[in-house]
Amino acid sequence: GGMVAFDIRGGEQAAFRFIQHLELFAFAESLGGVESLIEHPQTMSHASMAAAARAAAGIRGGTIRVSAGIEDPEDLVADMARALGHLA
């Protein structure tokens, strides 16, 4: 699997709305398994960093981090597209 990070326009509120509408991704930092994970670094993996350090690292309220697992890539893309549709 691979890892990618991106920003959702609309900040933290939009990021959590997006995450809530996903069906295939587990909302977790790391489970040590092969499933696809999604997390909000500002409030999870990087929450202990100072706000200035997070900003310098490019971690903002709308930042989402995804770790792709072994699920069918087309299913994962469709799940994310469906969740993004709820932000419009």
Protein backbone atom coordinates (compact mmCIF):
# COMPACT_ATOMS: atom_id res chain seq x y z
CA GLY A 1 0.00 0.00 0.00
CA GLY A 2 0.92 3.62 -0.22
CA MET A 3 0.38 6.74 1.83
CA VAL A 4 -0.84 10.11 0.61
CA ALA A 5 -1.88 13.32 2.31
CA PHE A 6 -4.12 16.05 0.94
CA ASP A 7 -6.14 19.01 2.13
CA ILE A 8 -9.91 19.29 2.08
CA ARG A 9 -11.15 22.80 1.36
CA GLY A 10 -13.19 23.98 4.33
CA GLY A 11 -10.77 23.05 7.12
CA GLU A 12 -11.31 20.72 10.03
CA GLN A 13 -15.11 20.72 9.84
CA ALA A 14 -15.08 19.68 6.17
CA ALA A 15 -12.36 17.09 6.83
CA PHE A 16 -14.47 15.37 9.48
CA ARG A 17 -17.60 15.53 7.28
CA PHE A 18 -15.60 13.80 4.53
CA ILE A 19 -14.30 11.13 6.92
CA GLN A 20 -17.80 10.46 8.31
CA HIS A 21 -19.08 9.60 4.83
CA LEU A 22 -16.43 7.01 4.03
CA GLU A 23 -17.47 3.37 4.19
CA LEU A 24 -14.31 1.40 3.33
CA PHE A 25 -11.62 3.24 5.29
CA ALA A 26 -10.99 2.65 8.99
CA PHE A 27 -10.62 5.91 10.93
CA ALA A 28 -7.37 5.17 12.74
CA GLU A 29 -3.72 6.14 12.90
CA SER A 30 -2.40 2.62 12.47
CA LEU A 31 -3.77 -0.77 13.22
CA GLY A 32 -0.74 -2.68 11.91
CA GLY A 33 -2.92 -4.51 9.41
CA VAL A 34 -3.61 -4.48 5.70
CA GLU A 35 -6.82 -2.47 5.66
CA SER A 36 -7.08 1.04 4.29
CA LEU A 37 -6.88 3.74 6.95
CA ILE A 38 -7.72 7.41 7.05
CA GLU A 39 -6.75 9.91 9.71
CA HIS A 40 -6.82 13.59 10.60
CA PRO A 41 -3.18 14.37 11.52
CA GLN A 42 -3.94 17.66 13.30
CA THR A 43 -6.02 15.89 15.94
CA MET A 44 -4.47 12.43 15.80
CA SER A 45 -0.89 11.50 14.81
CA HIS A 46 0.52 15.03 15.07
CA ALA A 47 -1.67 16.42 17.87
CA SER A 48 1.25 16.58 20.30
CA MET A 49 3.21 18.92 18.00
CA ALA A 50 3.06 22.63 18.62
CA ALA A 51 0.68 24.43 16.26
CA ALA A 52 3.59 26.33 14.68
CA ALA A 53 5.46 23.08 14.02
CA ARG A 54 2.37 21.51 12.44
CA ALA A 55 1.93 24.58 10.23
CA ALA A 56 5.58 24.43 9.19
CA ALA A 57 5.08 20.76 8.28
CA GLY A 58 2.03 21.65 6.16
CA ILE A 59 -0.49 20.05 8.53
CA ARG A 60 -3.66 22.13 8.63
CA GLY A 61 -7.24 21.61 9.76
CA GLY A 62 -8.24 20.21 6.39
CA THR A 63 -5.30 17.82 6.07
CA ILE A 64 -6.25 14.17 5.59
CA ARG A 65 -3.78 11.28 5.52
CA VAL A 66 -4.66 8.04 3.76
CA SER A 67 -2.88 4.70 3.92
CA ALA A 68 -4.09 2.42 1.12
CA GLY A 69 -4.55 -1.22 2.02
CA ILE A 70 -5.32 -4.30 -0.03
CA GLU A 71 -8.91 -3.46 -0.96
CA ASP A 72 -9.74 -3.04 -4.64
CA PRO A 73 -8.34 0.37 -5.70
CA GLU A 74 -11.46 1.14 -7.73
CA ASP A 75 -13.62 0.58 -4.64
CA LEU A 76 -11.42 2.91 -2.59
CA VAL A 77 -11.53 5.65 -5.24
CA ALA A 78 -15.33 5.29 -5.52
CA ASP A 79 -15.67 5.53 -1.72
CA MET A 80 -13.61 8.71 -1.61
CA ALA A 81 -15.50 10.22 -4.57
CA ARG A 82 -18.81 9.48 -2.83
CA ALA A 83 -17.59 11.10 0.41
CA LEU A 84 -16.30 14.15 -1.46
CA GLY A 85 -19.75 14.50 -3.04
CA HIS A 86 -21.15 15.20 0.43
CA LEU A 87 -19.00 18.33 0.70
CA ALA A 88 -20.57 20.12 -2.26
